Structure formats: structure tokens, C-alpha cells
Amino acid sequence: MERAEDKRAEFAVSDQSQLGALRQLLGWAVPGSRVQVIPGQPEPGEQGAMDILALLASSSGLVAAIKILPEFLRSRKTALSVTVTVEGKSVSLTATNVDDVLPILERLLDD
């Protein structure tokens, strides 16, 4: 059930085969949240688009979800990136830049 204080974050992965693993991890990390797969919307002239995850949770729940991303990224064998969008602002994380980008993303959630 959606609460007025809930915020929404969207997660896009560079490798769609990792979408299910990220969905499961987000659901485990943020009990009581809602994680949904949102079908991608192709741009004009494109034949398809990648699906994304939408996480609806409290601000503290979103912060908890963001804090587990470094381990998720580092545990993957391929060069994976996750783009997180909150209120129209996007940040891309990789295993190599996550320590630099994580504080920026946390500030976005505090706004």
C-alpha cells in the first residue's frame, strides 16, 4: 500500500539478465517496499527498450536500497552499471565509481 511519505526510485541495469537478481535483492533489503518491473518505452524509431525496476519505499528504505548497490555491483562478473533515477535526476553507478557517486545519490534522497 502506498503511503504519502513514500518516494519512488527507478533502477535500470545495463545487462537485462541481472534485472531479476536486482529485483530480488531490493525486495529483501527493503522489507515492506514495493518493487515492480516497468516495461521500457522505446524512443521513436527504436524497436524495443529495456525494462526498469521501480522501488516505492520510505526515504530510509531507499537509502537502504542504495547502500546495498556497491556489493551487488562488485559481485557481478561482468561490467555492470545501474542507473538510479529519483525525481527526474539520474546517477549511474559502476563497481569502479560507486564510492564517489553514492554520496551524491544519498543527497538526492534527502531532498
N, C-alpha and C. Protein backbone atom coordinates (compact mmCIF):
# COMPACT_ATOMS: atom_id res chain seq x y z
N MET A 1 0.83 -1.18 0.00
CA MET A 1 0.00 0.00 0.00
C MET A 1 0.88 1.24 0.00
N GLU A 2 0.58 2.18 -0.88
CA GLU A 2 1.37 3.40 -0.99
C GLU A 2 1.03 4.36 0.14
N ARG A 3 2.10 4.90 0.74
CA ARG A 3 1.93 5.88 1.80
C ARG A 3 2.36 7.25 1.28
N ALA A 4 1.81 8.30 1.83
CA ALA A 4 2.11 9.66 1.36
C ALA A 4 3.60 9.98 1.48
N GLU A 5 4.27 9.42 2.48
CA GLU A 5 5.69 9.73 2.68
C GLU A 5 6.61 8.89 1.80
N ASP A 6 6.08 7.91 1.06
CA ASP A 6 6.90 7.07 0.20
C ASP A 6 7.47 7.87 -0.97
N LYS A 7 8.68 7.46 -1.38
CA LYS A 7 9.33 8.03 -2.54
C LYS A 7 9.54 6.91 -3.56
N ARG A 8 9.77 7.32 -4.79
CA ARG A 8 9.98 6.34 -5.86
C ARG A 8 11.38 6.51 -6.44
N ALA A 9 12.04 5.41 -6.63
CA ALA A 9 13.33 5.38 -7.31
C ALA A 9 13.23 4.35 -8.43
N GLU A 10 13.85 4.66 -9.54
CA GLU A 10 13.87 3.73 -10.67
C GLU A 10 15.29 3.24 -10.88
N PHE A 11 15.41 1.96 -11.18
CA PHE A 11 16.71 1.32 -11.36
C PHE A 11 16.75 0.69 -12.74
N ALA A 12 17.72 1.09 -13.54
CA ALA A 12 17.93 0.49 -14.86
C ALA A 12 19.30 -0.18 -14.86
N VAL A 13 19.35 -1.41 -15.32
CA VAL A 13 20.62 -2.14 -15.36
C VAL A 13 21.09 -2.24 -16.81
N SER A 14 22.41 -2.20 -16.98
CA SER A 14 22.97 -2.26 -18.33
C SER A 14 22.85 -3.66 -18.93
N ASP A 15 22.68 -4.67 -18.09
CA ASP A 15 22.53 -6.05 -18.54
C ASP A 15 21.18 -6.56 -18.04
N GLN A 16 20.23 -6.71 -18.93
CA GLN A 16 18.87 -7.11 -18.54
C GLN A 16 18.82 -8.46 -17.84
N SER A 17 19.82 -9.31 -18.04
CA SER A 17 19.82 -10.60 -17.36
C SER A 17 20.00 -10.44 -15.84
N GLN A 18 20.42 -9.27 -15.39
CA GLN A 18 20.62 -9.01 -13.96
C GLN A 18 19.41 -8.33 -13.31
N LEU A 19 18.38 -8.03 -14.09
CA LEU A 19 17.21 -7.33 -13.57
C LEU A 19 16.51 -8.14 -12.47
N GLY A 20 16.33 -9.43 -12.69
CA GLY A 20 15.67 -10.28 -11.70
C GLY A 20 16.45 -10.37 -10.40
N ALA A 21 17.79 -10.48 -10.50
CA ALA A 21 18.62 -10.54 -9.30
C ALA A 21 18.53 -9.24 -8.51
N LEU A 22 18.54 -8.11 -9.22
CA LEU A 22 18.43 -6.82 -8.53
C LEU A 22 17.05 -6.66 -7.92
N ARG A 23 16.02 -7.11 -8.60
CA ARG A 23 14.67 -7.02 -8.05
C ARG A 23 14.56 -7.82 -6.74
N GLN A 24 15.10 -9.01 -6.75
CA GLN A 24 15.06 -9.86 -5.56
C GLN A 24 15.85 -9.21 -4.42
N LEU A 25 17.01 -8.67 -4.71
CA LEU A 25 17.84 -8.04 -3.70
C LEU A 25 17.15 -6.81 -3.10
N LEU A 26 16.54 -5.98 -3.93
CA LEU A 26 15.85 -4.79 -3.43
C LEU A 26 14.68 -5.17 -2.53
N GLY A 27 13.94 -6.19 -2.93
CA GLY A 27 12.82 -6.65 -2.11
C GLY A 27 13.27 -7.18 -0.77
N TRP A 28 14.41 -7.85 -0.74
CA TRP A 28 14.96 -8.37 0.51
C TRP A 28 15.51 -7.26 1.38
N ALA A 29 16.19 -6.28 0.77
CA ALA A 29 16.86 -5.21 1.52
C ALA A 29 15.89 -4.21 2.11
N VAL A 30 14.73 -4.07 1.51
CA VAL A 30 13.76 -3.06 1.96
C VAL A 30 12.42 -3.74 2.22
N PRO A 31 12.29 -4.44 3.36
CA PRO A 31 11.02 -5.11 3.67
C PRO A 31 9.87 -4.11 3.70
N GLY A 32 8.73 -4.53 3.18
CA GLY A 32 7.56 -3.66 3.16
C GLY A 32 7.52 -2.70 1.99
N SER A 33 8.54 -2.74 1.15
CA SER A 33 8.55 -1.87 -0.03
C SER A 33 7.88 -2.59 -1.19
N ARG A 34 7.67 -1.86 -2.25
CA ARG A 34 7.13 -2.45 -3.48
C ARG A 34 8.17 -2.30 -4.58
N VAL A 35 8.50 -3.41 -5.21
CA VAL A 35 9.43 -3.41 -6.34
C VAL A 35 8.67 -3.96 -7.53
N GLN A 36 8.59 -3.16 -8.57
CA GLN A 36 7.85 -3.57 -9.76
C GLN A 36 8.71 -3.44 -11.00
N VAL A 37 8.51 -4.35 -11.94
CA VAL A 37 9.15 -4.25 -13.24
C VAL A 37 8.28 -3.37 -14.12
N ILE A 38 8.89 -2.34 -14.68
CA ILE A 38 8.18 -1.41 -15.56
C ILE A 38 8.70 -1.63 -16.99
N PRO A 39 7.81 -1.98 -17.92
CA PRO A 39 8.27 -2.19 -19.30
C PRO A 39 8.90 -0.92 -19.86
N GLY A 40 10.01 -1.09 -20.55
CA GLY A 40 10.69 0.04 -21.18
C GLY A 40 9.86 0.62 -22.31
N GLN A 41 10.01 1.90 -22.51
CA GLN A 41 9.31 2.61 -23.57
C GLN A 41 10.30 2.96 -24.68
N PRO A 42 10.15 2.38 -25.87
CA PRO A 42 11.09 2.69 -26.94
C PRO A 42 10.94 4.13 -27.42
N GLU A 43 12.06 4.72 -27.77
CA GLU A 43 12.07 6.06 -28.37
C GLU A 43 11.56 5.94 -29.81
N PRO A 44 11.09 7.02 -30.40
CA PRO A 44 10.65 6.96 -31.80
C PRO A 44 11.76 6.38 -32.69
N GLY A 45 11.39 5.41 -33.49
CA GLY A 45 12.33 4.76 -34.39
C GLY A 45 13.04 3.56 -33.80
N GLU A 46 12.90 3.33 -32.48
CA GLU A 46 13.51 2.17 -31.84
C GLU A 46 12.51 1.02 -31.83
N GLN A 47 13.01 -0.20 -31.87
CA GLN A 47 12.13 -1.36 -31.87
C GLN A 47 11.83 -1.89 -30.48
N GLY A 48 12.63 -1.54 -29.50
CA GLY A 48 12.40 -2.04 -28.15
C GLY A 48 13.15 -1.20 -27.14
N ALA A 49 12.87 -1.46 -25.89
CA ALA A 49 13.55 -0.74 -24.81
C ALA A 49 13.71 -1.68 -23.63
N MET A 50 14.68 -1.37 -22.79
CA MET A 50 14.95 -2.22 -21.63
C MET A 50 13.96 -1.91 -20.51
N ASP A 51 13.58 -2.97 -19.81
CA ASP A 51 12.71 -2.81 -18.64
C ASP A 51 13.51 -2.18 -17.50
N ILE A 52 12.80 -1.56 -16.57
CA ILE A 52 13.42 -0.97 -15.39
C ILE A 52 12.68 -1.46 -14.15
N LEU A 53 13.27 -1.23 -13.00
CA LEU A 53 12.62 -1.53 -11.73
C LEU A 53 12.20 -0.24 -11.07
N ALA A 54 11.01 -0.23 -10.50
CA ALA A 54 10.55 0.91 -9.71
C ALA A 54 10.42 0.44 -8.28
N LEU A 55 11.06 1.16 -7.37
CA LEU A 55 11.02 0.85 -5.94
C LEU A 55 10.27 1.98 -5.25
N LEU A 56 9.22 1.63 -4.55
CA LEU A 56 8.43 2.58 -3.79
C LEU A 56 8.65 2.26 -2.32
N ALA A 57 9.26 3.23 -1.59
CA ALA A 57 9.60 3.00 -0.19
C ALA A 57 9.78 4.34 0.51
N SER A 58 9.93 4.28 1.81
CA SER A 58 10.23 5.49 2.58
C SER A 58 11.63 5.98 2.20
N SER A 59 11.95 7.19 2.58
CA SER A 59 13.30 7.72 2.31
C SER A 59 14.37 6.83 2.91
N SER A 60 14.15 6.37 4.14
CA SER A 60 15.14 5.50 4.77
C SER A 60 15.23 4.16 4.05
N GLY A 61 14.11 3.67 3.52
CA GLY A 61 14.12 2.45 2.74
C GLY A 61 14.90 2.60 1.45
N LEU A 62 14.75 3.75 0.79
CA LEU A 62 15.50 4.00 -0.44
C LEU A 62 16.99 4.09 -0.14
N VAL A 63 17.35 4.74 0.96
CA VAL A 63 18.75 4.83 1.34
C VAL A 63 19.31 3.42 1.58
N ALA A 64 18.55 2.56 2.25
CA ALA A 64 18.98 1.18 2.49
C ALA A 64 19.20 0.45 1.17
N ALA A 65 18.31 0.67 0.22
CA ALA A 65 18.45 0.04 -1.10
C ALA A 65 19.71 0.53 -1.80
N ILE A 66 19.96 1.82 -1.73
CA ILE A 66 21.13 2.40 -2.39
C ILE A 66 22.42 1.86 -1.76
N LYS A 67 22.41 1.68 -0.46
CA LYS A 67 23.62 1.24 0.24
C LYS A 67 24.02 -0.20 -0.09
N ILE A 68 23.09 -1.00 -0.60
CA ILE A 68 23.46 -2.37 -0.97
C ILE A 68 23.96 -2.46 -2.41
N LEU A 69 23.80 -1.41 -3.19
CA LEU A 69 24.22 -1.45 -4.59
C LEU A 69 25.71 -1.72 -4.77
N PRO A 70 26.61 -1.16 -3.94
CA PRO A 70 28.02 -1.47 -4.15
C PRO A 70 28.33 -2.96 -4.12
N GLU A 71 27.78 -3.67 -3.15
CA GLU A 71 28.03 -5.12 -3.08
C GLU A 71 27.43 -5.84 -4.28
N PHE A 72 26.26 -5.42 -4.70
CA PHE A 72 25.63 -6.03 -5.86
C PHE A 72 26.52 -5.85 -7.09
N LEU A 73 26.99 -4.63 -7.30
CA LEU A 73 27.82 -4.35 -8.47
C LEU A 73 29.15 -5.10 -8.42
N ARG A 74 29.75 -5.13 -7.26
CA ARG A 74 31.05 -5.80 -7.12
C ARG A 74 30.94 -7.32 -7.23
N SER A 75 29.77 -7.86 -6.98
CA SER A 75 29.59 -9.31 -7.04
C SER A 75 29.33 -9.83 -8.45
N ARG A 76 29.10 -8.96 -9.38
CA ARG A 76 28.82 -9.37 -10.75
C ARG A 76 30.12 -9.65 -11.49
N LYS A 77 30.09 -10.63 -12.38
CA LYS A 77 31.28 -10.97 -13.14
C LYS A 77 31.49 -10.05 -14.34
N THR A 78 30.45 -9.46 -14.81
CA THR A 78 30.57 -8.57 -15.97
C THR A 78 30.59 -7.12 -15.51
N ALA A 79 30.99 -6.26 -16.40
CA ALA A 79 31.00 -4.83 -16.11
C ALA A 79 29.55 -4.34 -16.16
N LEU A 80 28.94 -4.27 -15.01
CA LEU A 80 27.54 -3.91 -14.90
C LEU A 80 27.42 -2.49 -14.39
N SER A 81 26.43 -1.76 -14.89
CA SER A 81 26.12 -0.45 -14.34
C SER A 81 24.64 -0.40 -13.99
N VAL A 82 24.33 0.38 -12.97
CA VAL A 82 22.96 0.59 -12.55
C VAL A 82 22.72 2.09 -12.55
N THR A 83 21.70 2.52 -13.27
CA THR A 83 21.32 3.92 -13.28
C THR A 83 20.12 4.08 -12.37
N VAL A 84 20.26 4.95 -11.38
CA VAL A 84 19.20 5.20 -10.41
C VAL A 84 18.63 6.58 -10.70
N THR A 85 17.30 6.66 -10.80
CA THR A 85 16.62 7.93 -11.06
C THR A 85 15.66 8.21 -9.92
N VAL A 86 15.82 9.39 -9.33
CA VAL A 86 14.95 9.86 -8.26
C VAL A 86 14.49 11.26 -8.62
N GLU A 87 13.19 11.45 -8.70
CA GLU A 87 12.61 12.76 -9.02
C GLU A 87 13.24 13.40 -10.25
N GLY A 88 13.42 12.60 -11.29
CA GLY A 88 13.93 13.10 -12.57
C GLY A 88 15.44 13.27 -12.64
N LYS A 89 16.16 13.01 -11.57
CA LYS A 89 17.62 13.14 -11.57
C LYS A 89 18.22 11.75 -11.56
N SER A 90 19.16 11.52 -12.50
CA SER A 90 19.75 10.20 -12.66
C SER A 90 21.23 10.19 -12.33
N VAL A 91 21.67 9.07 -11.77
CA VAL A 91 23.07 8.83 -11.46
C VAL A 91 23.38 7.40 -11.86
N SER A 92 24.50 7.20 -12.57
CA SER A 92 24.92 5.85 -12.97
C SER A 92 26.04 5.38 -12.06
N LEU A 93 25.88 4.15 -11.58
CA LEU A 93 26.87 3.55 -10.69
C LEU A 93 27.50 2.35 -11.36
N THR A 94 28.80 2.20 -11.16
CA THR A 94 29.53 1.01 -11.58
C THR A 94 30.36 0.55 -10.38
N ALA A 95 30.96 -0.61 -10.49
CA ALA A 95 31.79 -1.10 -9.38
C ALA A 95 32.98 -0.17 -9.14
N THR A 96 33.43 0.55 -10.17
CA THR A 96 34.60 1.41 -10.01
C THR A 96 34.27 2.82 -9.54
N ASN A 97 33.05 3.30 -9.74
CA ASN A 97 32.74 4.69 -9.33
C ASN A 97 31.77 4.78 -8.16
N VAL A 98 31.35 3.66 -7.64
CA VAL A 98 30.27 3.65 -6.65
C VAL A 98 30.63 4.44 -5.39
N ASP A 99 31.89 4.39 -4.95
CA ASP A 99 32.27 5.12 -3.74
C ASP A 99 32.19 6.63 -3.94
N ASP A 100 32.42 7.10 -5.17
CA ASP A 100 32.34 8.53 -5.46
C ASP A 100 30.90 8.99 -5.66
N VAL A 101 30.07 8.15 -6.26
CA VAL A 101 28.72 8.53 -6.65
C VAL A 101 27.71 8.34 -5.52
N LEU A 102 27.94 7.39 -4.64
CA LEU A 102 26.98 7.08 -3.58
C LEU A 102 26.60 8.29 -2.72
N PRO A 103 27.54 9.14 -2.30
CA PRO A 103 27.14 10.31 -1.52
C PRO A 103 26.23 11.27 -2.29
N ILE A 104 26.44 11.40 -3.58
CA ILE A 104 25.58 12.26 -4.41
C ILE A 104 24.17 11.71 -4.43
N LEU A 105 24.05 10.41 -4.60
CA LEU A 105 22.74 9.78 -4.64
C LEU A 105 22.02 9.89 -3.30
N GLU A 106 22.75 9.74 -2.22
CA GLU A 106 22.13 9.90 -0.90
C GLU A 106 21.62 11.32 -0.67
N ARG A 107 22.35 12.32 -1.20
CA ARG A 107 21.87 13.71 -1.09
C ARG A 107 20.59 13.91 -1.89
N LEU A 108 20.47 13.26 -3.03
CA LEU A 108 19.25 13.36 -3.82
C LEU A 108 18.05 12.85 -3.02
N LEU A 109 18.26 11.79 -2.27
CA LEU A 109 17.18 11.20 -1.48
C LEU A 109 16.81 12.07 -0.27
N ASP A 110 17.75 12.85 0.21
CA ASP A 110 17.47 13.72 1.36
C ASP A 110 16.66 14.94 0.98
N ASP A 111 16.66 15.30 -0.30
CA ASP A 111 15.90 16.49 -0.74
C ASP A 111 14.42 16.32 -0.57
